[in-house]
Amino acid sequence: GVQFVDRAGHWVQQEQPDRVSTLVVDFLRNGAG
């Protein structure tokens, strides 16, 4: 889906690295397959 990360602007992976990492890991574990 579309995931908008709170407290982040254009530099989402820098501004909220833990949240972005969690989204990616959850996607790979649960959605990508």
ModelCIF file with pLDDT and N, C-alpha, C, O atoms, coordinates in Angstrom:
data_MODEL
#
_entry.id   MODEL 
#
_entity.id                         1 
_entity.type                       polymer 
_entity.pdbx_number_of_molecules   1 
#
_entity_poly.entity_id                      1 
_entity_poly.type                           'polypeptide(L)' 
_entity_poly.nstd_linkage                   no 
_entity_poly.nstd_monomer                   no 
_entity_poly.pdbx_seq_one_letter_code       GVQFVDRAGHWVQQEQPDRVSTLVVDFLRNGAG 
_entity_poly.pdbx_seq_one_letter_code_can   GVQFVDRAGHWVQQEQPDRVSTLVVDFLRNGAG 
_entity_poly.pdbx_strand_id                 A 
#
loop_
_entity_poly_seq.entity_id 
_entity_poly_seq.num 
_entity_poly_seq.mon_id 
_entity_poly_seq.hetero 
1 1  GLY n 
1 2  VAL n 
1 3  GLN n 
1 4  PHE n 
1 5  VAL n 
1 6  ASP n 
1 7  ARG n 
1 8  ALA n 
1 9  GLY n 
1 10 HIS n 
1 11 TRP n 
1 12 VAL n 
1 13 GLN n 
1 14 GLN n 
1 15 GLU n 
1 16 GLN n 
1 17 PRO n 
1 18 ASP n 
1 19 ARG n 
1 20 VAL n 
1 21 SER n 
1 22 THR n 
1 23 LEU n 
1 24 VAL n 
1 25 VAL n 
1 26 ASP n 
1 27 PHE n 
1 28 LEU n 
1 29 ARG n 
1 30 ASN n 
1 31 GLY n 
1 32 ALA n 
1 33 GLY n 
#
_struct_asym.id          A 
_struct_asym.entity_id   1 
#
loop_
_ma_qa_metric.id 
_ma_qa_metric.mode 
_ma_qa_metric.name 
_ma_qa_metric.software_group_id 
_ma_qa_metric.type 
1 global pLDDT . pLDDT 
2 local  pLDDT . pLDDT 
#
_ma_qa_metric_global.metric_id      1 
_ma_qa_metric_global.metric_value   93.88 
_ma_qa_metric_global.model_id       1 
_ma_qa_metric_global.ordinal_id     1 
#
loop_
_ma_qa_metric_local.label_asym_id 
_ma_qa_metric_local.label_comp_id 
_ma_qa_metric_local.label_seq_id 
_ma_qa_metric_local.metric_id 
_ma_qa_metric_local.metric_value 
_ma_qa_metric_local.model_id 
_ma_qa_metric_local.ordinal_id 
A GLY 1  2 93.00 1 1  
A VAL 2  2 96.00 1 2  
A GLN 3  2 97.00 1 3  
A PHE 4  2 98.00 1 4  
A VAL 5  2 98.00 1 5  
A ASP 6  2 98.00 1 6  
A ARG 7  2 98.00 1 7  
A ALA 8  2 98.00 1 8  
A GLY 9  2 98.00 1 9  
A HIS 10 2 97.00 1 10 
A TRP 11 2 97.00 1 11 
A VAL 12 2 98.00 1 12 
A GLN 13 2 97.00 1 13 
A GLN 14 2 97.00 1 14 
A GLU 15 2 98.00 1 15 
A GLN 16 2 98.00 1 16 
A PRO 17 2 98.00 1 17 
A ASP 18 2 98.00 1 18 
A ARG 19 2 98.00 1 19 
A VAL 20 2 98.00 1 20 
A SER 21 2 98.00 1 21 
A THR 22 2 97.00 1 22 
A LEU 23 2 97.00 1 23 
A VAL 24 2 96.00 1 24 
A VAL 25 2 96.00 1 25 
A ASP 26 2 94.00 1 26 
A PHE 27 2 95.00 1 27 
A LEU 28 2 93.00 1 28 
A ARG 29 2 92.00 1 29 
A ASN 30 2 88.00 1 30 
A GLY 31 2 72.00 1 31 
A ALA 32 2 71.00 1 32 
A GLY 33 2 61.00 1 33 
#
loop_
_atom_site.group_PDB 
_atom_site.id 
_atom_site.type_symbol 
_atom_site.label_atom_id 
_atom_site.label_alt_id 
_atom_site.label_comp_id 
_atom_site.label_asym_id 
_atom_site.label_entity_id 
_atom_site.label_seq_id 
_atom_site.pdbx_PDB_ins_code 
_atom_site.Cartn_x 
_atom_site.Cartn_y 
_atom_site.Cartn_z 
_atom_site.occupancy 
_atom_site.B_iso_or_equiv 
_atom_site.pdbx_formal_charge 
_atom_site.auth_seq_id 
_atom_site.auth_comp_id 
_atom_site.auth_asym_id 
_atom_site.auth_atom_id 
_atom_site.pdbx_PDB_model_num 
ATOM 1   N N  . GLY A 1 1  ? 0.790  -1.222  0.000  1.00 93.00 ? 1  GLY A N  1 
ATOM 2   C CA . GLY A 1 1  ? 0.000  0.000   0.000  1.00 93.00 ? 1  GLY A CA 1 
ATOM 3   C C  . GLY A 1 1  ? 0.822  1.271   0.000  1.00 93.00 ? 1  GLY A C  1 
ATOM 4   O O  . GLY A 1 1  ? 2.017  1.262   -0.294 1.00 93.00 ? 1  GLY A O  1 
ATOM 5   N N  . VAL A 1 2  ? 0.163  2.353   0.333  1.00 96.00 ? 2  VAL A N  1 
ATOM 6   C CA . VAL A 1 2  ? 0.791  3.678   0.440  1.00 96.00 ? 2  VAL A CA 1 
ATOM 7   C C  . VAL A 1 2  ? 1.006  3.951   1.917  1.00 96.00 ? 2  VAL A C  1 
ATOM 8   O O  . VAL A 1 2  ? 0.064  3.913   2.708  1.00 96.00 ? 2  VAL A O  1 
ATOM 9   N N  . GLN A 1 3  ? 2.233  4.224   2.279  1.00 97.00 ? 3  GLN A N  1 
ATOM 10  C CA . GLN A 1 3  ? 2.593  4.457   3.674  1.00 97.00 ? 3  GLN A CA 1 
ATOM 11  C C  . GLN A 1 3  ? 3.167  5.861   3.827  1.00 97.00 ? 3  GLN A C  1 
ATOM 12  O O  . GLN A 1 3  ? 4.264  6.141   3.344  1.00 97.00 ? 3  GLN A O  1 
ATOM 13  N N  . PHE A 1 4  ? 2.431  6.741   4.495  1.00 98.00 ? 4  PHE A N  1 
ATOM 14  C CA . PHE A 1 4  ? 2.938  8.067   4.803  1.00 98.00 ? 4  PHE A CA 1 
ATOM 15  C C  . PHE A 1 4  ? 3.488  8.045   6.225  1.00 98.00 ? 4  PHE A C  1 
ATOM 16  O O  . PHE A 1 4  ? 2.786  7.680   7.168  1.00 98.00 ? 4  PHE A O  1 
ATOM 17  N N  . VAL A 1 5  ? 4.736  8.435   6.368  1.00 98.00 ? 5  VAL A N  1 
ATOM 18  C CA . VAL A 1 5  ? 5.435  8.367   7.647  1.00 98.00 ? 5  VAL A CA 1 
ATOM 19  C C  . VAL A 1 5  ? 5.338  9.713   8.353  1.00 98.00 ? 5  VAL A C  1 
ATOM 20  O O  . VAL A 1 5  ? 5.721  10.744  7.801  1.00 98.00 ? 5  VAL A O  1 
ATOM 21  N N  . ASP A 1 6  ? 4.827  9.694   9.565  1.00 98.00 ? 6  ASP A N  1 
ATOM 22  C CA . ASP A 1 6  ? 4.719  10.909  10.376 1.00 98.00 ? 6  ASP A CA 1 
ATOM 23  C C  . ASP A 1 6  ? 6.096  11.455  10.711 1.00 98.00 ? 6  ASP A C  1 
ATOM 24  O O  . ASP A 1 6  ? 7.071  10.709  10.795 1.00 98.00 ? 6  ASP A O  1 
ATOM 25  N N  . ARG A 1 7  ? 6.163  12.775  10.902 1.00 98.00 ? 7  ARG A N  1 
ATOM 26  C CA . ARG A 1 7  ? 7.394  13.489  11.270 1.00 98.00 ? 7  ARG A CA 1 
ATOM 27  C C  . ARG A 1 7  ? 8.514  13.272  10.269 1.00 98.00 ? 7  ARG A C  1 
ATOM 28  O O  . ARG A 1 7  ? 9.686  13.195  10.636 1.00 98.00 ? 7  ARG A O  1 
ATOM 29  N N  . ALA A 1 8  ? 8.136  13.171  8.981  1.00 98.00 ? 8  ALA A N  1 
ATOM 30  C CA . ALA A 1 8  ? 9.123  13.045  7.906  1.00 98.00 ? 8  ALA A CA 1 
ATOM 31  C C  . ALA A 1 8  ? 8.651  13.847  6.709  1.00 98.00 ? 8  ALA A C  1 
ATOM 32  O O  . ALA A 1 8  ? 7.458  13.927  6.416  1.00 98.00 ? 8  ALA A O  1 
ATOM 33  N N  . GLY A 1 9  ? 9.622  14.440  6.023  1.00 98.00 ? 9  GLY A N  1 
ATOM 34  C CA . GLY A 1 9  ? 9.350  15.158  4.789  1.00 98.00 ? 9  GLY A CA 1 
ATOM 35  C C  . GLY A 1 9  ? 9.972  14.403  3.630  1.00 98.00 ? 9  GLY A C  1 
ATOM 36  O O  . GLY A 1 9  ? 9.853  13.181  3.538  1.00 98.00 ? 9  GLY A O  1 
ATOM 37  N N  . HIS A 1 10 ? 10.635 15.132  2.749  1.00 97.00 ? 10 HIS A N  1 
ATOM 38  C CA . HIS A 1 10 ? 11.212 14.546  1.549  1.00 97.00 ? 10 HIS A CA 1 
ATOM 39  C C  . HIS A 1 10 ? 12.317 13.542  1.859  1.00 97.00 ? 10 HIS A C  1 
ATOM 40  O O  . HIS A 1 10 ? 12.561 12.633  1.066  1.00 97.00 ? 10 HIS A O  1 
ATOM 41  N N  . TRP A 1 11 ? 12.971 13.686  2.969  1.00 97.00 ? 11 TRP A N  1 
ATOM 42  C CA . TRP A 1 11 ? 14.121 12.848  3.330  1.00 97.00 ? 11 TRP A CA 1 
ATOM 43  C C  . TRP A 1 11 ? 13.678 11.750  4.292  1.00 97.00 ? 11 TRP A C  1 
ATOM 44  O O  . TRP A 1 11 ? 14.337 11.510  5.303  1.00 97.00 ? 11 TRP A O  1 
ATOM 45  N N  . VAL A 1 12 ? 12.577 11.087  3.987  1.00 98.00 ? 12 VAL A N  1 
ATOM 46  C CA . VAL A 1 12 ? 11.922 10.138  4.892  1.00 98.00 ? 12 VAL A CA 1 
ATOM 47  C C  . VAL A 1 12 ? 12.881 9.107   5.461  1.00 98.00 ? 12 VAL A C  1 
ATOM 48  O O  . VAL A 1 12 ? 12.817 8.801   6.652  1.00 98.00 ? 12 VAL A O  1 
ATOM 49  N N  . GLN A 1 13 ? 13.768 8.566   4.639  1.00 97.00 ? 13 GLN A N  1 
ATOM 50  C CA . GLN A 1 13 ? 14.682 7.517   5.121  1.00 97.00 ? 13 GLN A CA 1 
ATOM 51  C C  . GLN A 1 13 ? 15.711 8.069   6.097  1.00 97.00 ? 13 GLN A C  1 
ATOM 52  O O  . GLN A 1 13 ? 16.258 7.308   6.896  1.00 97.00 ? 13 GLN A O  1 
ATOM 53  N N  . GLN A 1 14 ? 15.990 9.358   6.058  1.00 97.00 ? 14 GLN A N  1 
ATOM 54  C CA . GLN A 1 14 ? 16.913 9.972   7.007  1.00 97.00 ? 14 GLN A CA 1 
ATOM 55  C C  . GLN A 1 14 ? 16.171 10.500  8.228  1.00 97.00 ? 14 GLN A C  1 
ATOM 56  O O  . GLN A 1 14 ? 16.645 10.373  9.357  1.00 97.00 ? 14 GLN A O  1 
ATOM 57  N N  . GLU A 1 15 ? 15.004 11.094  7.993  1.00 98.00 ? 15 GLU A N  1 
ATOM 58  C CA . GLU A 1 15 ? 14.262 11.703  9.091  1.00 98.00 ? 15 GLU A CA 1 
ATOM 59  C C  . GLU A 1 15 ? 13.669 10.664  10.040 1.00 98.00 ? 15 GLU A C  1 
ATOM 60  O O  . GLU A 1 15 ? 13.607 10.890  11.249 1.00 98.00 ? 15 GLU A O  1 
ATOM 61  N N  . GLN A 1 16 ? 13.238 9.539   9.501  1.00 98.00 ? 16 GLN A N  1 
ATOM 62  C CA . GLN A 1 16 ? 12.620 8.479   10.308 1.00 98.00 ? 16 GLN A CA 1 
ATOM 63  C C  . GLN A 1 16 ? 13.148 7.106   9.889  1.00 98.00 ? 16 GLN A C  1 
ATOM 64  O O  . GLN A 1 16 ? 12.377 6.269   9.419  1.00 98.00 ? 16 GLN A O  1 
ATOM 65  N N  . PRO A 1 17 ? 14.454 6.863   10.054 1.00 98.00 ? 17 PRO A N  1 
ATOM 66  C CA . PRO A 1 17 ? 15.039 5.608   9.567  1.00 98.00 ? 17 PRO A CA 1 
ATOM 67  C C  . PRO A 1 17 ? 14.459 4.360   10.217 1.00 98.00 ? 17 PRO A C  1 
ATOM 68  O O  . PRO A 1 17 ? 14.289 3.341   9.546  1.00 98.00 ? 17 PRO A O  1 
ATOM 69  N N  . ASP A 1 18 ? 14.154 4.419   11.502 1.00 98.00 ? 18 ASP A N  1 
ATOM 70  C CA . ASP A 1 18 ? 13.617 3.230   12.172 1.00 98.00 ? 18 ASP A CA 1 
ATOM 71  C C  . ASP A 1 18 ? 12.236 2.872   11.626 1.00 98.00 ? 18 ASP A C  1 
ATOM 72  O O  . ASP A 1 18 ? 11.941 1.700   11.392 1.00 98.00 ? 18 ASP A O  1 
ATOM 73  N N  . ARG A 1 19 ? 11.401 3.873   11.427 1.00 98.00 ? 19 ARG A N  1 
ATOM 74  C CA . ARG A 1 19 ? 10.046 3.607   10.902 1.00 98.00 ? 19 ARG A CA 1 
ATOM 75  C C  . ARG A 1 19 ? 10.120 3.078   9.476  1.00 98.00 ? 19 ARG A C  1 
ATOM 76  O O  . ARG A 1 19 ? 9.406  2.134   9.136  1.00 98.00 ? 19 ARG A O  1 
ATOM 77  N N  . VAL A 1 20 ? 10.967 3.665   8.637  1.00 98.00 ? 20 VAL A N  1 
ATOM 78  C CA . VAL A 1 20 ? 11.118 3.201   7.263  1.00 98.00 ? 20 VAL A CA 1 
ATOM 79  C C  . VAL A 1 20 ? 11.648 1.766   7.248  1.00 98.00 ? 20 VAL A C  1 
ATOM 80  O O  . VAL A 1 20 ? 11.158 0.937   6.482  1.00 98.00 ? 20 VAL A O  1 
ATOM 81  N N  . SER A 1 21 ? 12.634 1.469   8.078  1.00 98.00 ? 21 SER A N  1 
ATOM 82  C CA . SER A 1 21 ? 13.180 0.116   8.144  1.00 98.00 ? 21 SER A CA 1 
ATOM 83  C C  . SER A 1 21 ? 12.110 -0.884  8.568  1.00 98.00 ? 21 SER A C  1 
ATOM 84  O O  . SER A 1 21 ? 12.027 -1.979  8.012  1.00 98.00 ? 21 SER A O  1 
ATOM 85  N N  . THR A 1 22 ? 11.289 -0.513  9.551  1.00 97.00 ? 22 THR A N  1 
ATOM 86  C CA . THR A 1 22 ? 10.208 -1.389  9.993  1.00 97.00 ? 22 THR A CA 1 
ATOM 87  C C  . THR A 1 22 ? 9.217  -1.648  8.865  1.00 97.00 ? 22 THR A C  1 
ATOM 88  O O  . THR A 1 22 ? 8.790  -2.785  8.662  1.00 97.00 ? 22 THR A O  1 
ATOM 89  N N  . LEU A 1 23 ? 8.852  -0.610  8.136  1.00 97.00 ? 23 LEU A N  1 
ATOM 90  C CA . LEU A 1 23 ? 7.927  -0.785  7.009  1.00 97.00 ? 23 LEU A CA 1 
ATOM 91  C C  . LEU A 1 23 ? 8.506  -1.728  5.959  1.00 97.00 ? 23 LEU A C  1 
ATOM 92  O O  . LEU A 1 23 ? 7.805  -2.607  5.458  1.00 97.00 ? 23 LEU A O  1 
ATOM 93  N N  . VAL A 1 24 ? 9.769  -1.549  5.630  1.00 96.00 ? 24 VAL A N  1 
ATOM 94  C CA . VAL A 1 24 ? 10.399 -2.386  4.602  1.00 96.00 ? 24 VAL A CA 1 
ATOM 95  C C  . VAL A 1 24 ? 10.509 -3.838  5.081  1.00 96.00 ? 24 VAL A C  1 
ATOM 96  O O  . VAL A 1 24 ? 10.198 -4.762  4.330  1.00 96.00 ? 24 VAL A O  1 
ATOM 97  N N  . VAL A 1 25 ? 10.946 -4.036  6.312  1.00 96.00 ? 25 VAL A N  1 
ATOM 98  C CA . VAL A 1 25 ? 11.079 -5.403  6.831  1.00 96.00 ? 25 VAL A CA 1 
ATOM 99  C C  . VAL A 1 25 ? 9.704  -6.077  6.900  1.00 96.00 ? 25 VAL A C  1 
ATOM 100 O O  . VAL A 1 25 ? 9.565  -7.234  6.502  1.00 96.00 ? 25 VAL A O  1 
ATOM 101 N N  . ASP A 1 26 ? 8.690  -5.365  7.400  1.00 94.00 ? 26 ASP A N  1 
ATOM 102 C CA . ASP A 1 26 ? 7.342  -5.943  7.435  1.00 94.00 ? 26 ASP A CA 1 
ATOM 103 C C  . ASP A 1 26 ? 6.840  -6.272  6.052  1.00 94.00 ? 26 ASP A C  1 
ATOM 104 O O  . ASP A 1 26 ? 6.211  -7.310  5.846  1.00 94.00 ? 26 ASP A O  1 
ATOM 105 N N  . PHE A 1 27 ? 7.112  -5.394  5.096  1.00 95.00 ? 27 PHE A N  1 
ATOM 106 C CA . PHE A 1 27 ? 6.710  -5.653  3.710  1.00 95.00 ? 27 PHE A CA 1 
ATOM 107 C C  . PHE A 1 27 ? 7.381  -6.917  3.180  1.00 95.00 ? 27 PHE A C  1 
ATOM 108 O O  . PHE A 1 27 ? 6.725  -7.761  2.569  1.00 95.00 ? 27 PHE A O  1 
ATOM 109 N N  . LEU A 1 28 ? 8.664  -7.048  3.409  1.00 93.00 ? 28 LEU A N  1 
ATOM 110 C CA . LEU A 1 28 ? 9.397  -8.219  2.924  1.00 93.00 ? 28 LEU A CA 1 
ATOM 111 C C  . LEU A 1 28 ? 8.923  -9.505  3.601  1.00 93.00 ? 28 LEU A C  1 
ATOM 112 O O  . LEU A 1 28 ? 8.837  -10.555 2.964  1.00 93.00 ? 28 LEU A O  1 
ATOM 113 N N  . ARG A 1 29 ? 8.620  -9.412  4.889  1.00 92.00 ? 29 ARG A N  1 
ATOM 114 C CA . ARG A 1 29 ? 8.155  -10.597 5.627  1.00 92.00 ? 29 ARG A CA 1 
ATOM 115 C C  . ARG A 1 29 ? 6.719  -10.978 5.266  1.00 92.00 ? 29 ARG A C  1 
ATOM 116 O O  . ARG A 1 29 ? 6.404  -12.161 5.135  1.00 92.00 ? 29 ARG A O  1 
ATOM 117 N N  . ASN A 1 30 ? 5.873  -10.002 5.111  1.00 88.00 ? 30 ASN A N  1 
ATOM 118 C CA . ASN A 1 30 ? 4.440  -10.277 5.016  1.00 88.00 ? 30 ASN A CA 1 
ATOM 119 C C  . ASN A 1 30 ? 3.816  -10.037 3.650  1.00 88.00 ? 30 ASN A C  1 
ATOM 120 O O  . ASN A 1 30 ? 2.851  -10.708 3.285  1.00 88.00 ? 30 ASN A O  1 
ATOM 121 N N  . GLY A 1 31 ? 4.342  -9.107  2.907  1.00 72.00 ? 31 GLY A N  1 
ATOM 122 C CA . GLY A 1 31 ? 3.662  -8.720  1.683  1.00 72.00 ? 31 GLY A CA 1 
ATOM 123 C C  . GLY A 1 31 ? 4.343  -9.093  0.399  1.00 72.00 ? 31 GLY A C  1 
ATOM 124 O O  . GLY A 1 31 ? 3.685  -9.364  -0.606 1.00 72.00 ? 31 GLY A O  1 
ATOM 125 N N  . ALA A 1 32 ? 5.643  -9.110  0.420  1.00 71.00 ? 32 ALA A N  1 
ATOM 126 C CA . ALA A 1 32 ? 6.384  -9.298  -0.835 1.00 71.00 ? 32 ALA A CA 1 
ATOM 127 C C  . ALA A 1 32 ? 6.203  -10.685 -1.422 1.00 71.00 ? 32 ALA A C  1 
ATOM 128 O O  . ALA A 1 32 ? 6.345  -10.862 -2.632 1.00 71.00 ? 32 ALA A O  1 
ATOM 129 N N  . GLY A 1 33 ? 5.895  -11.672 -0.595 1.00 61.00 ? 33 GLY A N  1 
ATOM 130 C CA . GLY A 1 33 ? 5.747  -13.028 -1.104 1.00 61.00 ? 33 GLY A CA 1 
ATOM 131 C C  . GLY A 1 33 ? 4.372  -13.373 -1.604 1.00 61.00 ? 33 GLY A C  1 
ATOM 132 O O  . GLY A 1 33 ? 4.143  -14.496 -2.055 1.00 61.00 ? 33 GLY A O  1 
#
